[in-house]
Protein backbone atom coordinates (compact mmCIF):
# COMPACT_ATOMS: atom_id res chain seq x y z
CA UNK A 1 0.00 0.00 0.00
CA UNK A 2 1.24 3.49 -0.84
CA UNK A 3 1.36 6.56 1.37
CA UNK A 4 0.27 10.03 0.25
CA UNK A 5 1.20 13.07 2.31
CA UNK A 6 -0.28 16.57 2.09
CA UNK A 7 0.13 19.65 4.23
CA UNK A 8 -2.67 21.33 6.17
CA UNK A 9 -2.73 24.02 8.82
CA UNK A 10 -3.13 23.05 12.48
CA UNK A 11 -6.68 24.40 12.34
CA UNK A 12 -7.49 22.31 9.26
CA UNK A 13 -6.01 19.18 10.86
CA UNK A 14 -8.09 19.76 13.98
CA UNK A 15 -11.23 20.14 11.89
CA UNK A 16 -10.48 17.04 9.79
CA UNK A 17 -9.73 15.02 12.93
CA UNK A 18 -12.99 16.20 14.50
CA UNK A 19 -14.93 15.12 11.42
CA UNK A 20 -13.17 11.75 11.41
CA UNK A 21 -14.08 11.27 15.08
CA UNK A 22 -17.68 12.31 14.39
CA UNK A 23 -17.90 9.68 11.64
CA UNK A 24 -16.13 6.98 13.64
CA UNK A 25 -13.25 6.84 11.17
CA UNK A 26 -9.52 7.28 11.37
CA UNK A 27 -8.15 10.44 9.84
CA UNK A 28 -6.68 8.34 7.02
CA UNK A 29 -9.98 6.54 6.33
CA UNK A 30 -11.90 9.82 6.22
CA UNK A 31 -9.39 11.50 3.90
CA UNK A 32 -9.24 8.52 1.55
CA UNK A 33 -13.02 8.04 1.46
CA UNK A 34 -13.88 11.70 0.93
CA UNK A 35 -11.17 12.21 -1.67
CA UNK A 36 -12.29 9.19 -3.70
CA UNK A 37 -15.98 10.12 -3.36
CA UNK A 38 -15.24 13.65 -4.58
CA UNK A 39 -13.29 12.41 -7.57
CA UNK A 40 -16.00 9.88 -8.45
CA UNK A 41 -18.61 12.67 -8.22
CA UNK A 42 -16.49 14.75 -10.60
CA UNK A 43 -16.40 11.88 -13.12
CA UNK A 44 -20.19 11.44 -12.78
CA UNK A 45 -20.80 15.16 -13.39
CA UNK A 46 -18.49 15.17 -16.40
CA UNK A 47 -20.34 12.20 -17.90
CA UNK A 48 -23.69 13.84 -17.15
CA UNK A 49 -22.62 17.11 -18.81
CA UNK A 50 -21.36 15.28 -21.91
CA UNK A 51 -24.60 13.29 -22.12
CA UNK A 52 -26.73 16.44 -21.80
CA UNK A 53 -24.71 18.15 -24.55
CA UNK A 54 -25.14 15.13 -26.83
CA UNK A 55 -28.87 15.10 -26.11
CA UNK A 56 -29.19 18.81 -26.85
CA UNK A 57 -27.41 18.34 -30.20
CA UNK A 58 -29.79 15.54 -31.20
CA UNK A 59 -32.97 16.15 -29.21
CA UNK A 60 -35.61 13.68 -30.34
CA UNK A 61 -37.97 14.20 -27.42
CA UNK A 62 -41.68 14.74 -28.10
CA UNK A 63 -44.55 16.07 -26.03
CA UNK A 64 -46.79 13.85 -23.96
CA UNK A 65 -49.69 14.64 -26.30
CA UNK A 66 -47.65 13.66 -29.36
CA UNK A 67 -46.64 10.40 -27.66
CA UNK A 68 -50.31 9.56 -26.99
CA UNK A 69 -51.14 10.22 -30.63
CA UNK A 70 -48.21 8.10 -31.80
CA UNK A 71 -49.36 5.23 -29.60
CA UNK A 72 -52.97 5.63 -30.76
CA UNK A 73 -54.26 6.45 -27.30
C-alpha atoms as a PDB file:
ATOM      1  CA  UNK A   1       0.000   0.000   0.000  1.00  0.00           C
ATOM      2  CA  UNK A   2       1.239   3.490  -0.837  1.00  0.00           C
ATOM      3  CA  UNK A   3       1.355   6.559   1.369  1.00  0.00           C
ATOM      4  CA  UNK A   4       0.272  10.026   0.252  1.00  0.00           C
ATOM      5  CA  UNK A   5       1.200  13.069   2.306  1.00  0.00           C
ATOM      6  CA  UNK A   6      -0.277  16.566   2.090  1.00  0.00           C
ATOM      7  CA  UNK A   7       0.135  19.653   4.232  1.00  0.00           C
ATOM      8  CA  UNK A   8      -2.671  21.330   6.171  1.00  0.00           C
ATOM      9  CA  UNK A   9      -2.727  24.017   8.822  1.00  0.00           C
ATOM     10  CA  UNK A  10      -3.125  23.053  12.482  1.00  0.00           C
ATOM     11  CA  UNK A  11      -6.682  24.401  12.342  1.00  0.00           C
ATOM     12  CA  UNK A  12      -7.492  22.307   9.259  1.00  0.00           C
ATOM     13  CA  UNK A  13      -6.009  19.183  10.860  1.00  0.00           C
ATOM     14  CA  UNK A  14      -8.087  19.760  13.980  1.00  0.00           C
ATOM     15  CA  UNK A  15     -11.235  20.138  11.888  1.00  0.00           C
ATOM     16  CA  UNK A  16     -10.476  17.039   9.787  1.00  0.00           C
ATOM     17  CA  UNK A  17      -9.730  15.022  12.928  1.00  0.00           C
ATOM     18  CA  UNK A  18     -12.991  16.198  14.500  1.00  0.00           C
ATOM     19  CA  UNK A  19     -14.930  15.122  11.416  1.00  0.00           C
ATOM     20  CA  UNK A  20     -13.167  11.753  11.410  1.00  0.00           C
ATOM     21  CA  UNK A  21     -14.084  11.268  15.085  1.00  0.00           C
ATOM     22  CA  UNK A  22     -17.681  12.310  14.392  1.00  0.00           C
ATOM     23  CA  UNK A  23     -17.904   9.677  11.641  1.00  0.00           C
ATOM     24  CA  UNK A  24     -16.128   6.984  13.641  1.00  0.00           C
ATOM     25  CA  UNK A  25     -13.250   6.840  11.168  1.00  0.00           C
ATOM     26  CA  UNK A  26      -9.521   7.277  11.366  1.00  0.00           C
ATOM     27  CA  UNK A  27      -8.150  10.441   9.835  1.00  0.00           C
ATOM     28  CA  UNK A  28      -6.678   8.337   7.020  1.00  0.00           C
ATOM     29  CA  UNK A  29      -9.979   6.544   6.325  1.00  0.00           C
ATOM     30  CA  UNK A  30     -11.900   9.822   6.224  1.00  0.00           C
ATOM     31  CA  UNK A  31      -9.387  11.504   3.904  1.00  0.00           C
ATOM     32  CA  UNK A  32      -9.239   8.519   1.545  1.00  0.00           C
ATOM     33  CA  UNK A  33     -13.015   8.039   1.463  1.00  0.00           C
ATOM     34  CA  UNK A  34     -13.884  11.697   0.929  1.00  0.00           C
ATOM     35  CA  UNK A  35     -11.172  12.213  -1.674  1.00  0.00           C
ATOM     36  CA  UNK A  36     -12.290   9.189  -3.697  1.00  0.00           C
ATOM     37  CA  UNK A  37     -15.977  10.121  -3.360  1.00  0.00           C
ATOM     38  CA  UNK A  38     -15.239  13.654  -4.575  1.00  0.00           C
ATOM     39  CA  UNK A  39     -13.288  12.411  -7.569  1.00  0.00           C
ATOM     40  CA  UNK A  40     -15.999   9.882  -8.452  1.00  0.00           C
ATOM     41  CA  UNK A  41     -18.610  12.665  -8.221  1.00  0.00           C
ATOM     42  CA  UNK A  42     -16.490  14.747 -10.598  1.00  0.00           C
ATOM     43  CA  UNK A  43     -16.397  11.879 -13.120  1.00  0.00           C
ATOM     44  CA  UNK A  44     -20.188  11.443 -12.783  1.00  0.00           C
ATOM     45  CA  UNK A  45     -20.798  15.159 -13.389  1.00  0.00           C
ATOM     46  CA  UNK A  46     -18.491  15.173 -16.403  1.00  0.00           C
ATOM     47  CA  UNK A  47     -20.336  12.200 -17.902  1.00  0.00           C
ATOM     48  CA  UNK A  48     -23.688  13.845 -17.151  1.00  0.00           C
ATOM     49  CA  UNK A  49     -22.625  17.112 -18.815  1.00  0.00           C
ATOM     50  CA  UNK A  50     -21.356  15.277 -21.914  1.00  0.00           C
ATOM     51  CA  UNK A  51     -24.598  13.291 -22.118  1.00  0.00           C
ATOM     52  CA  UNK A  52     -26.731  16.435 -21.796  1.00  0.00           C
ATOM     53  CA  UNK A  53     -24.714  18.151 -24.551  1.00  0.00           C
ATOM     54  CA  UNK A  54     -25.143  15.129 -26.829  1.00  0.00           C
ATOM     55  CA  UNK A  55     -28.875  15.101 -26.112  1.00  0.00           C
ATOM     56  CA  UNK A  56     -29.188  18.814 -26.853  1.00  0.00           C
ATOM     57  CA  UNK A  57     -27.414  18.344 -30.203  1.00  0.00           C
ATOM     58  CA  UNK A  58     -29.785  15.543 -31.204  1.00  0.00           C
ATOM     59  CA  UNK A  59     -32.973  16.146 -29.213  1.00  0.00           C
ATOM     60  CA  UNK A  60     -35.612  13.681 -30.340  1.00  0.00           C
ATOM     61  CA  UNK A  61     -37.972  14.200 -27.423  1.00  0.00           C
ATOM     62  CA  UNK A  62     -41.677  14.744 -28.100  1.00  0.00           C
ATOM     63  CA  UNK A  63     -44.555  16.073 -26.030  1.00  0.00           C
ATOM     64  CA  UNK A  64     -46.795  13.852 -23.964  1.00  0.00           C
ATOM     65  CA  UNK A  65     -49.694  14.636 -26.304  1.00  0.00           C
ATOM     66  CA  UNK A  66     -47.655  13.656 -29.365  1.00  0.00           C
ATOM     67  CA  UNK A  67     -46.645  10.399 -27.657  1.00  0.00           C
ATOM     68  CA  UNK A  68     -50.308   9.557 -26.985  1.00  0.00           C
ATOM     69  CA  UNK A  69     -51.138  10.221 -30.633  1.00  0.00           C
ATOM     70  CA  UNK A  70     -48.210   8.104 -31.803  1.00  0.00           C
ATOM     71  CA  UNK A  71     -49.362   5.234 -29.600  1.00  0.00           C
ATOM     72  CA  UNK A  72     -52.966   5.632 -30.761  1.00  0.00           C
ATOM     73  CA  UNK A  73     -54.256   6.448 -27.302  1.00  0.00           C
END
